[in-house]
Amino acid sequence: MSSGSDRQRHRALLMAGLGTALLMAVFLSPFASKAPDGLDRVSQDLKFDQKEMQAKPAQKLPFYAIFNEYALRGVPAPIAKPLAGLAGTLVTFGLAWSAGKLLVRNPSKRSGDDSRS
């Protein structure tokens, strides 16, 4: 089998997976539960949610100005969550793809190529 067709199949699978993830992020994020997440629920159950810090550490992060909870700031409410899901999916994909490129060796660039056999 040729390396070119393998590469095309891998690229098609990658794009199909990314497309599926993006569609899910955009179209399913508006249906996310309004209930508190795990940590919020535990803090409410144990009654220490009133003791939270006034200046939260998350407010010091660079993305705080862009995202509010699971939505984008300054965007109309009906599209704020889908856009945040889209952005989060793309950032996660980019980080995972970059890590994969850095951590996995390309077999065609090996010094001891087995093409002589």
C-alpha atoms as a PDB file:
ATOM      1  CA  MET A   1       0.000   0.000   0.000  1.00  0.00           C
ATOM      2  CA  SER A   2       1.335   3.438  -0.806  1.00  0.00           C
ATOM      3  CA  SER A   3       2.223   5.971   1.829  1.00  0.00           C
ATOM      4  CA  GLY A   4       0.228   8.648  -0.001  1.00  0.00           C
ATOM      5  CA  SER A   5      -3.063   6.765   0.229  1.00  0.00           C
ATOM      6  CA  ASP A   6      -2.425   6.014   3.916  1.00  0.00           C
ATOM      7  CA  ARG A   7      -1.783   9.681   4.524  1.00  0.00           C
ATOM      8  CA  GLN A   8      -4.998  10.629   2.691  1.00  0.00           C
ATOM      9  CA  ARG A   9      -7.017   8.118   4.718  1.00  0.00           C
ATOM     10  CA  HIS A  10      -5.559   9.399   7.976  1.00  0.00           C
ATOM     11  CA  ARG A  11      -6.265  12.990   6.958  1.00  0.00           C
ATOM     12  CA  ALA A  12      -9.862  12.091   6.004  1.00  0.00           C
ATOM     13  CA  LEU A  13     -10.375  10.310   9.333  1.00  0.00           C
ATOM     14  CA  LEU A  14      -8.882  13.258  11.202  1.00  0.00           C
ATOM     15  CA  MET A  15     -11.120  15.752   9.398  1.00  0.00           C
ATOM     16  CA  ALA A  16     -14.206  13.572   9.911  1.00  0.00           C
ATOM     17  CA  GLY A  17     -13.470  13.326  13.634  1.00  0.00           C
ATOM     18  CA  LEU A  18     -12.823  17.044  13.963  1.00  0.00           C
ATOM     19  CA  GLY A  19     -15.959  17.840  11.977  1.00  0.00           C
ATOM     20  CA  THR A  20     -18.043  15.558  14.189  1.00  0.00           C
ATOM     21  CA  ALA A  21     -16.597  17.120  17.345  1.00  0.00           C
ATOM     22  CA  LEU A  22     -17.270  20.638  16.035  1.00  0.00           C
ATOM     23  CA  LEU A  23     -20.853  19.783  15.090  1.00  0.00           C
ATOM     24  CA  MET A  24     -21.448  18.300  18.534  1.00  0.00           C
ATOM     25  CA  ALA A  25     -19.870  21.314  20.255  1.00  0.00           C
ATOM     26  CA  VAL A  26     -21.962  23.797  18.290  1.00  0.00           C
ATOM     27  CA  PHE A  27     -25.309  22.007  18.215  1.00  0.00           C
ATOM     28  CA  LEU A  28     -25.318  20.196  21.576  1.00  0.00           C
ATOM     29  CA  SER A  29     -23.765  22.872  23.808  1.00  0.00           C
ATOM     30  CA  PRO A  30     -27.018  24.882  24.067  1.00  0.00           C
ATOM     31  CA  PHE A  31     -28.586  21.817  25.698  1.00  0.00           C
ATOM     32  CA  ALA A  32     -25.969  21.601  28.468  1.00  0.00           C
ATOM     33  CA  SER A  33     -27.366  21.172  31.943  1.00  0.00           C
ATOM     34  CA  LYS A  34     -28.025  24.282  34.007  1.00  0.00           C
ATOM     35  CA  ALA A  35     -27.297  22.294  37.186  1.00  0.00           C
ATOM     36  CA  PRO A  36     -24.046  23.093  39.019  1.00  0.00           C
ATOM     37  CA  ASP A  37     -21.023  21.042  38.042  1.00  0.00           C
ATOM     38  CA  GLY A  38     -19.430  18.581  40.469  1.00  0.00           C
ATOM     39  CA  LEU A  39     -17.282  20.984  42.470  1.00  0.00           C
ATOM     40  CA  ASP A  40     -20.030  23.598  42.726  1.00  0.00           C
ATOM     41  CA  ARG A  41     -22.494  20.950  43.871  1.00  0.00           C
ATOM     42  CA  VAL A  42     -20.131  19.633  46.569  1.00  0.00           C
ATOM     43  CA  SER A  43     -19.462  23.161  47.839  1.00  0.00           C
ATOM     44  CA  GLN A  44     -23.215  23.781  48.038  1.00  0.00           C
ATOM     45  CA  ASP A  45     -23.872  20.454  49.769  1.00  0.00           C
ATOM     46  CA  LEU A  46     -21.140  21.059  52.348  1.00  0.00           C
ATOM     47  CA  LYS A  47     -22.180  24.708  52.807  1.00  0.00           C
ATOM     48  CA  PHE A  48     -18.814  26.299  52.069  1.00  0.00           C
ATOM     49  CA  ASP A  49     -19.842  28.006  48.830  1.00  0.00           C
ATOM     50  CA  GLN A  50     -20.520  31.232  50.801  1.00  0.00           C
ATOM     51  CA  LYS A  51     -16.859  31.310  51.866  1.00  0.00           C
ATOM     52  CA  GLU A  52     -15.511  31.617  48.335  1.00  0.00           C
ATOM     53  CA  MET A  53     -12.887  34.246  47.649  1.00  0.00           C
ATOM     54  CA  GLN A  54     -14.019  37.646  46.418  1.00  0.00           C
ATOM     55  CA  ALA A  55     -11.091  37.952  43.977  1.00  0.00           C
ATOM     56  CA  LYS A  56     -11.190  34.526  42.358  1.00  0.00           C
ATOM     57  CA  PRO A  57      -7.910  33.256  40.887  1.00  0.00           C
ATOM     58  CA  ALA A  58      -9.715  32.462  37.616  1.00  0.00           C
ATOM     59  CA  GLN A  59     -10.364  36.176  37.128  1.00  0.00           C
ATOM     60  CA  LYS A  60      -6.617  36.675  36.724  1.00  0.00           C
ATOM     61  CA  LEU A  61      -6.341  34.293  33.777  1.00  0.00           C
ATOM     62  CA  PRO A  62      -6.035  35.810  30.280  1.00  0.00           C
ATOM     63  CA  PHE A  63      -9.161  34.053  28.977  1.00  0.00           C
ATOM     64  CA  TYR A  64     -11.397  35.509  31.705  1.00  0.00           C
ATOM     65  CA  ALA A  65     -12.029  38.614  29.592  1.00  0.00           C
ATOM     66  CA  ILE A  66     -13.279  36.424  26.725  1.00  0.00           C
ATOM     67  CA  PHE A  67     -15.220  33.635  28.434  1.00  0.00           C
ATOM     68  CA  ASN A  68     -17.915  33.819  31.103  1.00  0.00           C
ATOM     69  CA  GLU A  69     -18.585  30.378  32.554  1.00  0.00           C
ATOM     70  CA  TYR A  70     -19.310  28.311  29.406  1.00  0.00           C
ATOM     71  CA  ALA A  71     -20.153  31.196  27.060  1.00  0.00           C
ATOM     72  CA  LEU A  72     -18.421  34.027  25.239  1.00  0.00           C
ATOM     73  CA  ARG A  73     -18.684  37.518  26.694  1.00  0.00           C
ATOM     74  CA  GLY A  74     -20.215  40.256  24.576  1.00  0.00           C
ATOM     75  CA  VAL A  75     -21.977  37.840  22.218  1.00  0.00           C
ATOM     76  CA  PRO A  76     -25.764  37.483  21.967  1.00  0.00           C
ATOM     77  CA  ALA A  77     -26.986  34.770  24.344  1.00  0.00           C
ATOM     78  CA  PRO A  78     -28.329  32.330  21.715  1.00  0.00           C
ATOM     79  CA  ILE A  79     -24.907  31.949  20.098  1.00  0.00           C
ATOM     80  CA  ALA A  80     -22.608  32.513  23.103  1.00  0.00           C
ATOM     81  CA  LYS A  81     -22.476  28.847  24.187  1.00  0.00           C
ATOM     82  CA  PRO A  82     -22.135  27.378  20.682  1.00  0.00           C
ATOM     83  CA  LEU A  83     -19.262  29.752  19.904  1.00  0.00           C
ATOM     84  CA  ALA A  84     -17.561  28.900  23.191  1.00  0.00           C
ATOM     85  CA  GLY A  85     -17.962  25.195  22.363  1.00  0.00           C
ATOM     86  CA  LEU A  86     -16.503  25.787  18.913  1.00  0.00           C
ATOM     87  CA  ALA A  87     -13.548  27.729  20.314  1.00  0.00           C
ATOM     88  CA  GLY A  88     -12.905  25.182  23.058  1.00  0.00           C
ATOM     89  CA  THR A  89     -13.013  22.283  20.615  1.00  0.00           C
ATOM     90  CA  LEU A  90     -10.600  23.992  18.217  1.00  0.00           C
ATOM     91  CA  VAL A  91      -8.177  24.916  21.015  1.00  0.00           C
ATOM     92  CA  THR A  92      -8.294  21.382  22.434  1.00  0.00           C
ATOM     93  CA  PHE A  93      -7.752  19.884  18.974  1.00  0.00           C
ATOM     94  CA  GLY A  94      -4.872  22.263  18.298  1.00  0.00           C
ATOM     95  CA  LEU A  95      -3.166  21.406  21.577  1.00  0.00           C
ATOM     96  CA  ALA A  96      -3.613  17.659  21.064  1.00  0.00           C
ATOM     97  CA  TRP A  97      -2.435  17.801  17.435  1.00  0.00           C
ATOM     98  CA  SER A  98       0.596  19.898  18.383  1.00  0.00           C
ATOM     99  CA  ALA A  99       1.501  17.535  21.214  1.00  0.00           C
ATOM    100  CA  GLY A 100       1.152  14.599  18.839  1.00  0.00           C
ATOM    101  CA  LYS A 101       3.433  16.236  16.287  1.00  0.00           C
ATOM    102  CA  LEU A 102       6.029  16.974  18.955  1.00  0.00           C
ATOM    103  CA  LEU A 103       5.896  13.625  20.746  1.00  0.00           C
ATOM    104  CA  VAL A 104       5.476  11.094  17.931  1.00  0.00           C
ATOM    105  CA  ARG A 105       8.348  10.463  15.577  1.00  0.00           C
ATOM    106  CA  ASN A 106       7.688  10.533  11.865  1.00  0.00           C
ATOM    107  CA  PRO A 107       8.686   7.082  10.534  1.00  0.00           C
ATOM    108  CA  SER A 108       9.872   8.531   7.207  1.00  0.00           C
ATOM    109  CA  LYS A 109      12.460  10.705   8.978  1.00  0.00           C
ATOM    110  CA  ARG A 110      14.227   7.884  10.820  1.00  0.00           C
ATOM    111  CA  SER A 111      17.962   7.669  10.301  1.00  0.00           C
ATOM    112  CA  GLY A 112      17.903   3.886   9.731  1.00  0.00           C
ATOM    113  CA  ASP A 113      15.287   3.700   6.968  1.00  0.00           C
ATOM    114  CA  ASP A 114      14.296   0.101   6.089  1.00  0.00           C
ATOM    115  CA  SER A 115      13.600   0.852   2.410  1.00  0.00           C
ATOM    116  CA  ARG A 116      16.772  -1.021   1.348  1.00  0.00           C
ATOM    117  CA  SER A 117      15.206  -4.477   1.747  1.00  0.00           C
END
